[in-house]
Amino acid sequence: MDDDKTSAGQATQRKLSFLQTLKAVAWGMLGIRKGAGYREDTARLNPVHLVIAALLAGALFVVVLISIVRWAVASLS
């Protein structure tokens, strides 16, 4: 039973931090991640952090696009 606790503790320690998850999501959005790094990250990602980071990255992407469009429309006037 102690082996189960040790392996569960090691699995928790191996999880990426939220900032590391943000970095992995950013690389994924750019599409320039190496295969080995991708496999390593997917094995260590925390699903909750991944969902939150993806939502934040998506919202940031939309805000940037809206800002670019507003700037382009304002510069035409």
N, C-alpha and C. Protein backbone atom coordinates (compact mmCIF):
# COMPACT_ATOMS: atom_id res chain seq x y z
N MET A 1 0.83 -1.18 0.00
CA MET A 1 0.00 0.00 0.00
C MET A 1 0.88 1.26 0.00
N ASP A 2 2.04 1.18 0.63
CA ASP A 2 2.95 2.32 0.64
C ASP A 2 3.46 2.62 -0.76
N ASP A 3 3.60 1.58 -1.59
CA ASP A 3 4.04 1.78 -2.96
C ASP A 3 3.03 2.60 -3.74
N ASP A 4 1.73 2.39 -3.48
CA ASP A 4 0.69 3.16 -4.16
C ASP A 4 0.78 4.63 -3.79
N LYS A 5 1.01 4.92 -2.51
CA LYS A 5 1.12 6.31 -2.08
C LYS A 5 2.35 6.97 -2.68
N THR A 6 3.45 6.23 -2.76
CA THR A 6 4.68 6.78 -3.33
C THR A 6 4.51 7.07 -4.81
N SER A 7 3.92 6.17 -5.56
CA SER A 7 3.74 6.39 -6.99
C SER A 7 2.75 7.52 -7.25
N ALA A 8 1.73 7.64 -6.41
CA ALA A 8 0.77 8.74 -6.57
C ALA A 8 1.44 10.07 -6.24
N GLY A 9 2.29 10.09 -5.24
CA GLY A 9 3.01 11.31 -4.89
C GLY A 9 3.98 11.72 -5.97
N GLN A 10 4.65 10.74 -6.57
CA GLN A 10 5.58 11.04 -7.66
C GLN A 10 4.83 11.55 -8.89
N ALA A 11 3.67 11.01 -9.16
CA ALA A 11 2.88 11.46 -10.31
C ALA A 11 2.44 12.91 -10.11
N THR A 12 2.10 13.27 -8.88
CA THR A 12 1.70 14.64 -8.60
C THR A 12 2.89 15.58 -8.73
N GLN A 13 4.06 15.15 -8.29
CA GLN A 13 5.24 15.99 -8.38
C GLN A 13 5.67 16.20 -9.83
N ARG A 14 5.37 15.26 -10.69
CA ARG A 14 5.79 15.36 -12.07
C ARG A 14 4.90 16.28 -12.89
N LYS A 15 3.76 16.70 -12.36
CA LYS A 15 2.84 17.57 -13.10
C LYS A 15 3.49 18.93 -13.34
N LEU A 16 3.14 19.52 -14.47
CA LEU A 16 3.65 20.84 -14.81
C LEU A 16 2.94 21.91 -13.99
N SER A 17 3.64 23.00 -13.71
CA SER A 17 3.02 24.12 -13.03
C SER A 17 2.09 24.83 -14.01
N PHE A 18 1.31 25.78 -13.51
CA PHE A 18 0.38 26.50 -14.38
C PHE A 18 1.13 27.31 -15.43
N LEU A 19 2.24 27.94 -15.05
CA LEU A 19 3.02 28.71 -16.02
C LEU A 19 3.64 27.81 -17.08
N GLN A 20 4.08 26.63 -16.70
CA GLN A 20 4.61 25.68 -17.68
C GLN A 20 3.50 25.20 -18.60
N THR A 21 2.29 25.06 -18.06
CA THR A 21 1.15 24.67 -18.89
C THR A 21 0.82 25.79 -19.88
N LEU A 22 0.87 27.05 -19.43
CA LEU A 22 0.65 28.18 -20.34
C LEU A 22 1.68 28.17 -21.47
N LYS A 23 2.92 27.87 -21.14
CA LYS A 23 3.97 27.80 -22.15
C LYS A 23 3.67 26.68 -23.15
N ALA A 24 3.25 25.53 -22.67
CA ALA A 24 2.93 24.42 -23.56
C ALA A 24 1.76 24.77 -24.47
N VAL A 25 0.75 25.46 -23.94
CA VAL A 25 -0.40 25.87 -24.75
C VAL A 25 0.04 26.89 -25.80
N ALA A 26 0.91 27.82 -25.41
CA ALA A 26 1.41 28.81 -26.37
C ALA A 26 2.17 28.14 -27.51
N TRP A 27 3.02 27.21 -27.18
CA TRP A 27 3.74 26.48 -28.23
C TRP A 27 2.77 25.71 -29.12
N GLY A 28 1.74 25.15 -28.51
CA GLY A 28 0.74 24.42 -29.29
C GLY A 28 -0.03 25.32 -30.24
N MET A 29 -0.35 26.53 -29.78
CA MET A 29 -1.06 27.48 -30.64
C MET A 29 -0.19 27.91 -31.82
N LEU A 30 1.11 28.03 -31.58
CA LEU A 30 2.01 28.41 -32.66
C LEU A 30 2.29 27.24 -33.60
N GLY A 31 2.19 26.04 -33.08
CA GLY A 31 2.38 24.85 -33.90
C GLY A 31 3.83 24.56 -34.23
N ILE A 32 4.76 24.98 -33.37
CA ILE A 32 6.17 24.76 -33.65
C ILE A 32 6.83 23.93 -32.55
N ARG A 33 6.11 23.04 -31.97
CA ARG A 33 6.62 22.21 -30.88
C ARG A 33 7.24 20.94 -31.44
N LYS A 34 8.39 20.53 -30.90
CA LYS A 34 9.03 19.29 -31.32
C LYS A 34 8.22 18.10 -30.80
N GLY A 35 8.27 17.01 -31.50
CA GLY A 35 7.51 15.82 -31.12
C GLY A 35 7.86 15.30 -29.74
N ALA A 36 9.16 15.26 -29.42
CA ALA A 36 9.58 14.74 -28.12
C ALA A 36 9.08 15.64 -26.99
N GLY A 37 9.16 16.93 -27.18
CA GLY A 37 8.66 17.87 -26.17
C GLY A 37 7.16 17.77 -26.00
N TYR A 38 6.47 17.57 -27.11
CA TYR A 38 5.01 17.42 -27.07
C TYR A 38 4.63 16.19 -26.26
N ARG A 39 5.28 15.07 -26.53
CA ARG A 39 4.96 13.83 -25.80
C ARG A 39 5.28 13.97 -24.31
N GLU A 40 6.38 14.64 -24.01
CA GLU A 40 6.75 14.84 -22.60
C GLU A 40 5.72 15.72 -21.90
N ASP A 41 5.29 16.79 -22.56
CA ASP A 41 4.30 17.68 -21.95
C ASP A 41 2.95 17.00 -21.77
N THR A 42 2.51 16.25 -22.76
CA THR A 42 1.20 15.61 -22.64
C THR A 42 1.17 14.59 -21.52
N ALA A 43 2.28 13.99 -21.21
CA ALA A 43 2.33 13.04 -20.11
C ALA A 43 2.28 13.73 -18.76
N ARG A 44 2.67 15.01 -18.71
CA ARG A 44 2.79 15.72 -17.44
C ARG A 44 1.75 16.82 -17.24
N LEU A 45 0.93 17.10 -18.22
CA LEU A 45 -0.04 18.19 -18.09
C LEU A 45 -1.13 17.89 -17.08
N ASN A 46 -1.50 18.90 -16.34
CA ASN A 46 -2.62 18.81 -15.41
C ASN A 46 -3.86 19.22 -16.21
N PRO A 47 -4.85 18.35 -16.34
CA PRO A 47 -6.02 18.66 -17.17
C PRO A 47 -6.75 19.95 -16.78
N VAL A 48 -6.84 20.24 -15.50
CA VAL A 48 -7.51 21.46 -15.05
C VAL A 48 -6.72 22.68 -15.50
N HIS A 49 -5.40 22.65 -15.32
CA HIS A 49 -4.55 23.75 -15.78
C HIS A 49 -4.65 23.90 -17.30
N LEU A 50 -4.73 22.80 -17.99
CA LEU A 50 -4.79 22.83 -19.45
C LEU A 50 -6.07 23.53 -19.93
N VAL A 51 -7.20 23.20 -19.34
CA VAL A 51 -8.46 23.82 -19.73
C VAL A 51 -8.45 25.32 -19.44
N ILE A 52 -7.98 25.69 -18.26
CA ILE A 52 -7.92 27.11 -17.89
C ILE A 52 -6.97 27.86 -18.81
N ALA A 53 -5.80 27.29 -19.08
CA ALA A 53 -4.82 27.94 -19.96
C ALA A 53 -5.36 28.08 -21.38
N ALA A 54 -6.05 27.06 -21.86
CA ALA A 54 -6.61 27.12 -23.21
C ALA A 54 -7.70 28.19 -23.31
N LEU A 55 -8.54 28.30 -22.29
CA LEU A 55 -9.57 29.35 -22.28
C LEU A 55 -8.95 30.74 -22.25
N LEU A 56 -7.92 30.91 -21.43
CA LEU A 56 -7.23 32.21 -21.36
C LEU A 56 -6.56 32.54 -22.69
N ALA A 57 -5.90 31.56 -23.29
CA ALA A 57 -5.22 31.78 -24.56
C ALA A 57 -6.24 32.10 -25.66
N GLY A 58 -7.35 31.41 -25.67
CA GLY A 58 -8.40 31.69 -26.65
C GLY A 58 -8.99 33.07 -26.49
N ALA A 59 -9.24 33.47 -25.25
CA ALA A 59 -9.77 34.81 -24.99
C ALA A 59 -8.76 35.89 -25.40
N LEU A 60 -7.50 35.67 -25.09
CA LEU A 60 -6.46 36.61 -25.49
C LEU A 60 -6.37 36.73 -27.00
N PHE A 61 -6.48 35.62 -27.69
CA PHE A 61 -6.45 35.60 -29.15
C PHE A 61 -7.60 36.44 -29.73
N VAL A 62 -8.79 36.26 -29.18
CA VAL A 62 -9.96 37.01 -29.65
C VAL A 62 -9.78 38.51 -29.38
N VAL A 63 -9.29 38.86 -28.20
CA VAL A 63 -9.08 40.27 -27.85
C VAL A 63 -8.05 40.90 -28.80
N VAL A 64 -6.99 40.19 -29.11
CA VAL A 64 -5.97 40.70 -30.03
C VAL A 64 -6.57 40.90 -31.42
N LEU A 65 -7.35 39.94 -31.90
CA LEU A 65 -7.97 40.08 -33.21
C LEU A 65 -8.93 41.27 -33.26
N ILE A 66 -9.74 41.44 -32.24
CA ILE A 66 -10.67 42.58 -32.19
C ILE A 66 -9.90 43.89 -32.17
N SER A 67 -8.83 43.94 -31.40
CA SER A 67 -8.02 45.15 -31.34
C SER A 67 -7.40 45.49 -32.70
N ILE A 68 -6.92 44.50 -33.41
CA ILE A 68 -6.34 44.72 -34.73
C ILE A 68 -7.39 45.23 -35.70
N VAL A 69 -8.58 44.64 -35.67
CA VAL A 69 -9.65 45.08 -36.56
C VAL A 69 -10.06 46.50 -36.24
N ARG A 70 -10.21 46.83 -34.95
CA ARG A 70 -10.58 48.21 -34.59
C ARG A 70 -9.52 49.20 -35.02
N TRP A 71 -8.25 48.85 -34.86
CA TRP A 71 -7.16 49.72 -35.29
C TRP A 71 -7.18 49.91 -36.80
N ALA A 72 -7.42 48.82 -37.55
CA ALA A 72 -7.44 48.91 -39.01
C ALA A 72 -8.62 49.76 -39.49
N VAL A 73 -9.77 49.58 -38.87
CA VAL A 73 -10.96 50.37 -39.27
C VAL A 73 -10.75 51.84 -38.90
N ALA A 74 -10.17 52.13 -37.76
CA ALA A 74 -9.94 53.51 -37.34
C ALA A 74 -8.91 54.19 -38.24
N SER A 75 -7.94 53.45 -38.71
CA SER A 75 -6.91 54.06 -39.56
C SER A 75 -7.45 54.34 -40.97
N LEU A 76 -8.53 53.69 -41.39
CA LEU A 76 -9.13 53.93 -42.70
C LEU A 76 -9.96 55.19 -42.69
N SER A 77 -10.45 55.61 -41.56
CA SER A 77 -11.34 56.78 -41.49
C SER A 77 -10.56 58.07 -41.52
